[in-house]
Every structure is written in structure tokens, then in C-alpha cells.
PDB file of N, CA and C in Angstrom:
ATOM      1  N   MET A   1       0.510  -1.200   0.030  1.00  0.00           N
ATOM      2  CA  MET A   1      -0.066   0.090   0.277  1.00  0.00           C
ATOM      3  C   MET A   1       0.787   1.412  -0.168  1.00  0.00           C
ATOM      4  N   ILE A   2       0.428   2.070  -0.876  1.00  0.00           N
ATOM      5  CA  ILE A   2       1.118   3.272  -0.948  1.00  0.00           C
ATOM      6  C   ILE A   2       0.466   4.475   0.220  1.00  0.00           C
ATOM      7  N   ARG A   3       1.850   5.081   1.008  1.00  0.00           N
ATOM      8  CA  ARG A   3       0.915   6.253   1.950  1.00  0.00           C
ATOM      9  C   ARG A   3       1.276   7.700   1.360  1.00  0.00           C
ATOM     10  N   THR A   4       0.081   8.427   1.495  1.00  0.00           N
ATOM     11  CA  THR A   4       0.264   9.779   0.495  1.00  0.00           C
ATOM     12  C   THR A   4      -0.515  11.113   1.897  1.00  0.00           C
ATOM     13  N   GLN A   5      -0.335  12.167   1.334  1.00  0.00           N
ATOM     14  CA  GLN A   5      -1.033  12.844   2.452  1.00  0.00           C
ATOM     15  C   GLN A   5      -1.802  13.732   1.643  1.00  0.00           C
ATOM     16  N   ILE A   6      -3.139  14.137   1.840  1.00  0.00           N
ATOM     17  CA  ILE A   6      -4.136  15.129   1.133  1.00  0.00           C
ATOM     18  C   ILE A   6      -4.324  16.072   2.209  1.00  0.00           C
ATOM     19  N   GLN A   7      -4.791  17.229   1.548  1.00  0.00           N
ATOM     20  CA  GLN A   7      -5.797  18.212   1.996  1.00  0.00           C
ATOM     21  C   GLN A   7      -6.753  18.466   1.884  1.00  0.00           C
ATOM     22  N   LEU A   8      -7.694  18.469   2.725  1.00  0.00           N
ATOM     23  CA  LEU A   8      -9.158  18.792   2.558  1.00  0.00           C
ATOM     24  C   LEU A   8      -9.450  19.921   3.182  1.00  0.00           C
ATOM     25  N   PRO A   9     -10.794  20.788   2.955  1.00  0.00           N
ATOM     26  CA  PRO A   9     -11.495  22.166   3.269  1.00  0.00           C
ATOM     27  C   PRO A   9     -12.077  21.275   4.532  1.00  0.00           C
ATOM     28  N   ASP A  10     -11.910  22.578   5.272  1.00  0.00           N
ATOM     29  CA  ASP A  10     -12.521  22.017   6.927  1.00  0.00           C
ATOM     30  C   ASP A  10     -13.996  21.109   6.470  1.00  0.00           C
ATOM     31  N   GLN A  11     -14.937  21.798   5.746  1.00  0.00           N
ATOM     32  CA  GLN A  11     -16.034  21.160   5.923  1.00  0.00           C
ATOM     33  C   GLN A  11     -16.602  19.633   5.170  1.00  0.00           C
ATOM     34  N   LEU A  12     -15.388  19.539   4.041  1.00  0.00           N
ATOM     35  CA  LEU A  12     -15.145  18.165   3.861  1.00  0.00           C
ATOM     36  C   LEU A  12     -14.714  17.037   4.841  1.00  0.00           C
ATOM     37  N   TYR A  13     -13.606  17.386   5.730  1.00  0.00           N
ATOM     38  CA  TYR A  13     -13.027  16.767   6.499  1.00  0.00           C
ATOM     39  C   TYR A  13     -13.859  16.181   7.832  1.00  0.00           C
ATOM     40  N   ARG A  14     -14.503  17.251   7.950  1.00  0.00           N
ATOM     41  CA  ARG A  14     -15.778  17.144   9.136  1.00  0.00           C
ATOM     42  C   ARG A  14     -16.717  15.970   8.549  1.00  0.00           C
ATOM     43  N   GLU A  15     -17.439  16.085   7.284  1.00  0.00           N
ATOM     44  CA  GLU A  15     -18.149  14.901   6.469  1.00  0.00           C
ATOM     45  C   GLU A  15     -17.421  13.632   6.536  1.00  0.00           C
ATOM     46  N   VAL A  16     -16.257  13.967   6.225  1.00  0.00           N
ATOM     47  CA  VAL A  16     -15.504  12.499   6.211  1.00  0.00           C
ATOM     48  C   VAL A  16     -15.705  11.826   7.466  1.00  0.00           C
ATOM     49  N   GLN A  17     -15.151  12.958   8.535  1.00  0.00           N
ATOM     50  CA  GLN A  17     -15.089  12.224  10.102  1.00  0.00           C
ATOM     51  C   GLN A  17     -16.540  11.827  10.503  1.00  0.00           C
ATOM     52  N   ARG A  18     -17.473  12.339   9.758  1.00  0.00           N
ATOM     53  CA  ARG A  18     -19.057  12.019  10.221  1.00  0.00           C
ATOM     54  C   ARG A  18     -19.168  10.505  10.118  1.00  0.00           C
ATOM     55  N   VAL A  19     -18.928  10.361   8.356  1.00  0.00           N
ATOM     56  CA  VAL A  19     -19.418   9.000   7.987  1.00  0.00           C
ATOM     57  C   VAL A  19     -18.121   8.035   8.349  1.00  0.00           C
ATOM     58  N   ALA A  20     -16.929   8.191   8.711  1.00  0.00           N
ATOM     59  CA  ALA A  20     -16.029   7.346   9.270  1.00  0.00           C
ATOM     60  C   ALA A  20     -16.891   6.869  10.807  1.00  0.00           C
ATOM     61  N   GLU A  21     -17.211   7.855  11.493  1.00  0.00           N
ATOM     62  CA  GLU A  21     -17.860   7.468  12.911  1.00  0.00           C
ATOM     63  C   GLU A  21     -18.885   6.864  12.780  1.00  0.00           C
ATOM     64  N   THR A  22     -20.008   7.164  11.740  1.00  0.00           N
ATOM     65  CA  THR A  22     -21.083   6.334  11.539  1.00  0.00           C
ATOM     66  C   THR A  22     -20.854   4.919  10.978  1.00  0.00           C
ATOM     67  N   GLN A  23     -20.081   4.622  10.307  1.00  0.00           N
ATOM     68  CA  GLN A  23     -19.990   3.550   9.961  1.00  0.00           C
ATOM     69  C   GLN A  23     -18.859   2.562  10.590  1.00  0.00           C
ATOM     70  N   GLU A  24     -18.149   3.320  11.366  1.00  0.00           N
ATOM     71  CA  GLU A  24     -17.249   2.719  12.348  1.00  0.00           C
ATOM     72  C   GLU A  24     -15.848   2.266  11.443  1.00  0.00           C
ATOM     73  N   TRP A  25     -15.573   3.318  10.799  1.00  0.00           N
ATOM     74  CA  TRP A  25     -14.502   3.166   9.879  1.00  0.00           C
ATOM     75  C   TRP A  25     -13.567   3.785  10.557  1.00  0.00           C
ATOM     76  N   SER A  26     -12.130   3.896   9.811  1.00  0.00           N
ATOM     77  CA  SER A  26     -11.201   4.774   9.855  1.00  0.00           C
ATOM     78  C   SER A  26     -11.314   5.703   8.993  1.00  0.00           C
ATOM     79  N   ILE A  27     -11.003   7.030   9.020  1.00  0.00           N
ATOM     80  CA  ILE A  27     -10.504   8.160   7.798  1.00  0.00           C
ATOM     81  C   ILE A  27     -10.163   7.807   6.492  1.00  0.00           C
ATOM     82  N   ALA A  28      -9.162   6.921   6.440  1.00  0.00           N
ATOM     83  CA  ALA A  28      -8.205   6.417   5.290  1.00  0.00           C
ATOM     84  C   ALA A  28      -9.099   5.299   4.798  1.00  0.00           C
ATOM     85  N   GLU A  29     -10.401   4.614   5.497  1.00  0.00           N
ATOM     86  CA  GLU A  29     -11.192   3.918   5.229  1.00  0.00           C
ATOM     87  C   GLU A  29     -11.935   4.495   4.014  1.00  0.00           C
ATOM     88  N   VAL A  30     -12.714   5.504   4.686  1.00  0.00           N
ATOM     89  CA  VAL A  30     -13.650   6.401   4.046  1.00  0.00           C
ATOM     90  C   VAL A  30     -13.165   7.050   2.606  1.00  0.00           C
ATOM     91  N   ILE A  31     -11.908   7.477   2.879  1.00  0.00           N
ATOM     92  CA  ILE A  31     -10.992   8.059   1.555  1.00  0.00           C
ATOM     93  C   ILE A  31     -10.885   6.882   0.211  1.00  0.00           C
ATOM     94  N   ARG A  32     -10.471   5.957   1.026  1.00  0.00           N
ATOM     95  CA  ARG A  32     -10.289   4.570   0.023  1.00  0.00           C
ATOM     96  C   ARG A  32     -11.674   4.325  -0.863  1.00  0.00           C
ATOM     97  N   ARG A  33     -12.647   4.436   0.001  1.00  0.00           N
ATOM     98  CA  ARG A  33     -13.614   3.853  -0.454  1.00  0.00           C
ATOM     99  C   ARG A  33     -14.343   5.121  -1.775  1.00  0.00           C
ATOM    100  N   GLY A  34     -14.214   6.548  -1.135  1.00  0.00           N
ATOM    101  CA  GLY A  34     -14.642   7.480  -1.874  1.00  0.00           C
ATOM    102  C   GLY A  34     -13.845   7.264  -3.342  1.00  0.00           C
ATOM    103  N   ALA A  35     -12.210   6.998  -3.256  1.00  0.00           N
ATOM    104  CA  ALA A  35     -11.536   7.064  -4.553  1.00  0.00           C
ATOM    105  C   ALA A  35     -12.012   5.594  -5.345  1.00  0.00           C
ATOM    106  N   GLU A  36     -12.318   4.667  -4.849  1.00  0.00           N
ATOM    107  CA  GLU A  36     -12.790   3.560  -5.454  1.00  0.00           C
ATOM    108  C   GLU A  36     -14.175   3.455  -6.192  1.00  0.00           C
ATOM    109  N   ALA A  37     -14.513   4.615  -5.623  1.00  0.00           N
ATOM    110  CA  ALA A  37     -16.116   5.112  -6.355  1.00  0.00           C
ATOM    111  C   ALA A  37     -16.053   5.867  -7.367  1.00  0.00           C
ATOM    112  N   ILE A  38     -14.953   7.055  -7.247  1.00  0.00           N
ATOM    113  CA  ILE A  38     -14.881   7.842  -8.235  1.00  0.00           C
ATOM    114  C   ILE A  38     -14.126   7.431  -9.677  1.00  0.00           C
ATOM    115  N   THR A  39     -13.164   6.135  -9.300  1.00  0.00           N
ATOM    116  CA  THR A  39     -12.406   5.927 -10.398  1.00  0.00           C
ATOM    117  C   THR A  39     -13.657   4.524 -11.076  1.00  0.00           C
ATOM    118  N   ARG A  40     -14.359   4.080 -10.193  1.00  0.00           N
ATOM    119  CA  ARG A  40     -15.697   3.206 -10.845  1.00  0.00           C
ATOM    120  C   ARG A  40     -16.429   4.323 -12.149  1.00  0.00           C
ATOM    121  N   ALA A  41     -16.894   5.005 -11.665  1.00  0.00           N
ATOM    122  CA  ALA A  41     -17.316   6.143 -12.528  1.00  0.00           C
ATOM    123  C   ALA A  41     -16.660   6.762 -13.416  1.00  0.00           C
ATOM    124  N   TYR A  42     -15.333   6.950 -13.459  1.00  0.00           N
ATOM    125  CA  TYR A  42     -14.827   7.200 -14.598  1.00  0.00           C
ATOM    126  C   TYR A  42     -13.677   6.320 -15.046  1.00  0.00           C
ATOM    127  N   PRO A  43     -13.826   5.211 -15.990  1.00  0.00           N
ATOM    128  CA  PRO A  43     -13.322   4.409 -15.945  1.00  0.00           C
ATOM    129  C   PRO A  43     -11.988   4.539 -17.208  1.00  0.00           C
ATOM    130  N   SER A  44     -11.008   3.877 -17.440  1.00  0.00           N
ATOM    131  CA  SER A  44      -9.634   3.809 -17.908  1.00  0.00           C
ATOM    132  C   SER A  44     -10.404   4.013 -19.263  1.00  0.00           C
ATOM    133  N   ILE A  45     -10.294   4.968 -20.302  1.00  0.00           N
ATOM    134  CA  ILE A  45     -10.329   4.803 -21.821  1.00  0.00           C
ATOM    135  C   ILE A  45      -9.433   3.309 -22.525  1.00  0.00           C
ATOM    136  N   LYS A  46      -8.372   3.427 -21.837  1.00  0.00           N
ATOM    137  CA  LYS A  46      -7.463   2.288 -22.699  1.00  0.00           C
ATOM    138  C   LYS A  46      -7.249   1.229 -21.944  1.00  0.00           C
ATOM    139  N   GLU A  47      -8.704   0.437 -21.421  1.00  0.00           N
ATOM    140  CA  GLU A  47      -8.836  -0.733 -21.162  1.00  0.00           C
ATOM    141  C   GLU A  47      -8.549  -1.764 -22.061  1.00  0.00           C
ATOM    142  N   LYS A  48      -7.974  -3.006 -21.366  1.00  0.00           N
ATOM    143  CA  LYS A  48      -7.642  -4.062 -22.598  1.00  0.00           C
ATOM    144  C   LYS A  48      -8.915  -4.476 -22.830  1.00  0.00           C
ATOM    145  N   GLY A  49      -9.059  -4.857 -24.738  1.00  0.00           N
ATOM    146  CA  GLY A  49      -9.931  -5.327 -25.239  1.00  0.00           C
ATOM    147  C   GLY A  49     -10.766  -4.287 -25.128  1.00  0.00           C
ATOM    148  N   SER A  50     -11.006  -2.861 -25.246  1.00  0.00           N
ATOM    149  CA  SER A  50     -11.729  -1.990 -25.690  1.00  0.00           C
ATOM    150  C   SER A  50     -11.072  -1.575 -27.191  1.00  0.00           C
ATOM    151  N   GLN A  51     -12.327  -1.129 -27.817  1.00  0.00           N
ATOM    152  CA  GLN A  51     -11.897  -0.916 -29.176  1.00  0.00           C
ATOM    153  C   GLN A  51     -12.021   0.850 -29.343  1.00  0.00           C
ATOM    154  N   ALA A  52     -11.346   1.530 -30.248  1.00  0.00           N
ATOM    155  CA  ALA A  52     -11.172   2.939 -30.468  1.00  0.00           C
ATOM    156  C   ALA A  52     -12.776   3.344 -30.736  1.00  0.00           C
ATOM    157  N   TRP A  53     -13.215   4.302 -30.176  1.00  0.00           N
ATOM    158  CA  TRP A  53     -14.455   4.804 -30.426  1.00  0.00           C
ATOM    159  C   TRP A  53     -14.427   5.329 -31.860  1.00  0.00           C
ATOM    160  N   SER A  54     -15.558   5.021 -32.800  1.00  0.00           N
ATOM    161  CA  SER A  54     -15.698   5.672 -34.098  1.00  0.00           C
ATOM    162  C   SER A  54     -16.934   6.483 -34.293  1.00  0.00           C
ATOM    163  N   LEU A  55     -17.292   7.179 -35.383  1.00  0.00           N
ATOM    164  CA  LEU A  55     -18.411   7.481 -35.388  1.00  0.00           C
ATOM    165  C   LEU A  55     -19.659   6.065 -36.158  1.00  0.00           C
ATOM    166  N   PRO A  56     -20.577   6.061 -35.692  1.00  0.00           N
ATOM    167  CA  PRO A  56     -22.016   5.170 -35.883  1.00  0.00           C
ATOM    168  C   PRO A  56     -21.741   5.246 -37.486  1.00  0.00           C
ATOM    169  N   PRO A  57     -22.527   4.328 -38.147  1.00  0.00           N
ATOM    170  CA  PRO A  57     -22.809   4.303 -39.641  1.00  0.00           C
ATOM    171  C   PRO A  57     -24.075   5.070 -40.136  1.00  0.00           C
ATOM    172  N   PRO A  58     -24.112   5.894 -40.886  1.00  0.00           N
ATOM    173  CA  PRO A  58     -25.241   7.202 -41.185  1.00  0.00           C
ATOM    174  C   PRO A  58     -26.492   6.462 -41.274  1.00  0.00           C
ATOM    175  N   ILE A  59     -27.425   7.494 -40.504  1.00  0.00           N
ATOM    176  CA  ILE A  59     -28.934   6.585 -40.887  1.00  0.00           C
ATOM    177  C   ILE A  59     -29.080   7.177 -42.361  1.00  0.00           C
ATOM    178  N   ARG A  60     -30.144   5.597 -42.649  1.00  0.00           N
ATOM    179  CA  ARG A  60     -30.651   5.819 -43.970  1.00  0.00           C
ATOM    180  C   ARG A  60     -31.831   6.197 -43.979  1.00  0.00           C
ATOM    181  N   SER A  61     -32.536   7.204 -44.780  1.00  0.00           N
ATOM    182  CA  SER A  61     -33.676   7.634 -44.742  1.00  0.00           C
ATOM    183  C   SER A  61     -33.706   8.593 -45.841  1.00  0.00           C
ATOM    184  N   ARG A  62     -34.961   8.860 -46.472  1.00  0.00           N
ATOM    185  CA  ARG A  62     -35.180   9.486 -47.500  1.00  0.00           C
ATOM    186  C   ARG A  62     -35.792  10.762 -47.016  1.00  0.00           C
ATOM    187  N   MET A  63     -35.367  11.778 -47.813  1.00  0.00           N
ATOM    188  CA  MET A  63     -35.787  13.223 -47.564  1.00  0.00           C
ATOM    189  C   MET A  63     -37.381  13.299 -48.142  1.00  0.00           C
ATOM    190  N   LEU A  64     -37.975  14.321 -47.453  1.00  0.00           N
ATOM    191  CA  LEU A  64     -39.345  14.597 -48.140  1.00  0.00           C
ATOM    192  C   LEU A  64     -39.020  15.620 -48.910  1.00  0.00           C
ATOM    193  N   VAL A  65     -38.471  16.646 -48.628  1.00  0.00           N
ATOM    194  CA  VAL A  65     -38.215  17.364 -49.887  1.00  0.00           C
ATOM    195  C   VAL A  65     -37.122  17.176 -50.627  1.00  0.00           C
ATOM    196  N   GLN A  66     -37.156  16.679 -51.693  1.00  0.00           N
ATOM    197  CA  GLN A  66     -36.046  16.177 -52.639  1.00  0.00           C
ATOM    198  C   GLN A  66     -35.664  17.527 -53.733  1.00  0.00           C
ATOM    199  N   ASN A  67     -36.697  18.580 -53.981  1.00  0.00           N
ATOM    200  CA  ASN A  67     -36.172  19.470 -54.673  1.00  0.00           C
ATOM    201  C   ASN A  67     -34.655  20.424 -53.951  1.00  0.00           C
ATOM    202  N   PRO A  68     -33.684  20.712 -54.423  1.00  0.00           N
ATOM    203  CA  PRO A  68     -32.845  21.486 -53.743  1.00  0.00           C
ATOM    204  C   PRO A  68     -33.409  23.018 -53.393  1.00  0.00           C
ATOM    205  N   VAL A  69     -33.779  23.556 -54.606  1.00  0.00           N
ATOM    206  CA  VAL A  69     -34.320  24.818 -54.092  1.00  0.00           C
ATOM    207  C   VAL A  69     -35.247  25.234 -53.097  1.00  0.00           C
ATOM    208  N   THR A  70     -36.411  23.955 -52.929  1.00  0.00           N
ATOM    209  CA  THR A  70     -37.318  24.141 -52.148  1.00  0.00           C
ATOM    210  C   THR A  70     -37.046  23.984 -50.883  1.00  0.00           C
ATOM    211  N   LEU A  71     -35.361  23.124 -50.555  1.00  0.00           N
ATOM    212  CA  LEU A  71     -34.904  22.867 -49.558  1.00  0.00           C
ATOM    213  C   LEU A  71     -34.241  24.320 -48.918  1.00  0.00           C
ATOM    214  N   LYS A  72     -33.692  24.584 -50.090  1.00  0.00           N
ATOM    215  CA  LYS A  72     -32.984  25.762 -49.607  1.00  0.00           C
ATOM    216  C   LYS A  72     -33.525  27.223 -48.634  1.00  0.00           C
ATOM    217  N   GLU A  73     -35.061  27.220 -49.540  1.00  0.00           N
ATOM    218  CA  GLU A  73     -36.065  27.938 -48.809  1.00  0.00           C
ATOM    219  C   GLU A  73     -36.169  27.539 -47.683  1.00  0.00           C
ATOM    220  N   LEU A  74     -36.633  26.449 -47.540  1.00  0.00           N
ATOM    221  CA  LEU A  74     -37.020  25.888 -45.984  1.00  0.00           C
ATOM    222  C   LEU A  74     -36.157  26.259 -44.932  1.00  0.00           C
ATOM    223  N   VAL A  75     -34.966  25.845 -45.253  1.00  0.00           N
ATOM    224  CA  VAL A  75     -33.816  25.989 -44.430  1.00  0.00           C
ATOM    225  C   VAL A  75     -33.693  27.576 -44.017  1.00  0.00           C
ATOM    226  N   ARG A  76     -33.494  28.552 -45.071  1.00  0.00           N
ATOM    227  CA  ARG A  76     -33.763  29.865 -45.053  1.00  0.00           C
ATOM    228  C   ARG A  76     -34.931  30.130 -44.012  1.00  0.00           C
ATOM    229  N   GLY A  77     -36.046  30.013 -44.018  1.00  0.00           N
ATOM    230  CA  GLY A  77     -37.078  30.120 -43.548  1.00  0.00           C
ATOM    231  C   GLY A  77     -36.631  29.850 -41.933  1.00  0.00           C
ATOM    232  N   ASP A  78     -36.113  28.686 -41.529  1.00  0.00           N
ATOM    233  CA  ASP A  78     -36.052  28.344 -40.614  1.00  0.00           C
ATOM    234  C   ASP A  78     -34.958  29.005 -39.286  1.00  0.00           C
ATOM    235  N   MET A  79     -33.965  30.095 -40.264  1.00  0.00           N
ATOM    236  CA  MET A  79     -32.930  30.313 -39.589  1.00  0.00           C
ATOM    237  C   MET A  79     -33.887  31.965 -39.794  1.00  0.00           C
ATOM    238  N   GLU A  80     -34.743  32.117 -40.354  1.00  0.00           N
ATOM    239  CA  GLU A  80     -34.916  33.718 -39.908  1.00  0.00           C
ATOM    240  C   GLU A  80     -35.845  33.780 -38.651  1.00  0.00           C
ATOM    241  N   SER A  81     -35.162  34.802 -37.899  1.00  0.00           N
ATOM    242  CA  SER A  81     -36.104  35.158 -36.517  1.00  0.00           C
ATOM    243  C   SER A  81     -37.042  36.116 -36.759  1.00  0.00           C
ATOM    244  N   PRO A  82     -38.364  35.210 -36.118  1.00  0.00           N
ATOM    245  CA  PRO A  82     -39.498  36.535 -36.017  1.00  0.00           C
ATOM    246  C   PRO A  82     -39.454  37.387 -35.604  1.00  0.00           C
ATOM    247  N   LEU A  83     -40.306  38.702 -36.050  1.00  0.00           N
ATOM    248  CA  LEU A  83     -39.906  39.991 -35.244  1.00  0.00           C
ATOM    249  C   LEU A  83     -41.167  40.001 -34.489  1.00  0.00           C
TER     250      LEU A  83
END
């Protein structure tokens, strides 16, 4: 096990103390469990067996408006802000 020092804001230290007393754990145990929880919430991107992320395949669909001029007018109409 590695020994380390950390600095905690007073309020956070009091909350850690409270949890330790309530659960009958040491302060070190509360910190270890907190570190374990946060590392589970943010897993390593480079885990063994994981593949690099890539874009999903494009969605196959048909446009309801096929005339380019009509499409351009519809897009412009959406972009104009109403007064």
C-alpha cells in the first residue's frame, strides 16, 4: 500500500469524519472507498479489449423534400428570426 497526504477543506473533512464515525471506519477507509467509487465512475479509456470509438454508420432515410431549391428556402425560413 502507498502512503500519501492530502489536504481537505474543513467542511469536507468534517463530513468524512462523520461518515467514518457512523460506519465505524477509519478516515483512511472512507477516503479509499471514495477513491474506488470515483474511479469506477470514470473508467480508463484504454482498458484491455476496448476498441477505439468511431462514428456510427449514417442513418438511411429519404428526404421528404427532394428539390434543392425548395430545401434551401425551407432552411432559410427556419433561420430567419421572427420579429
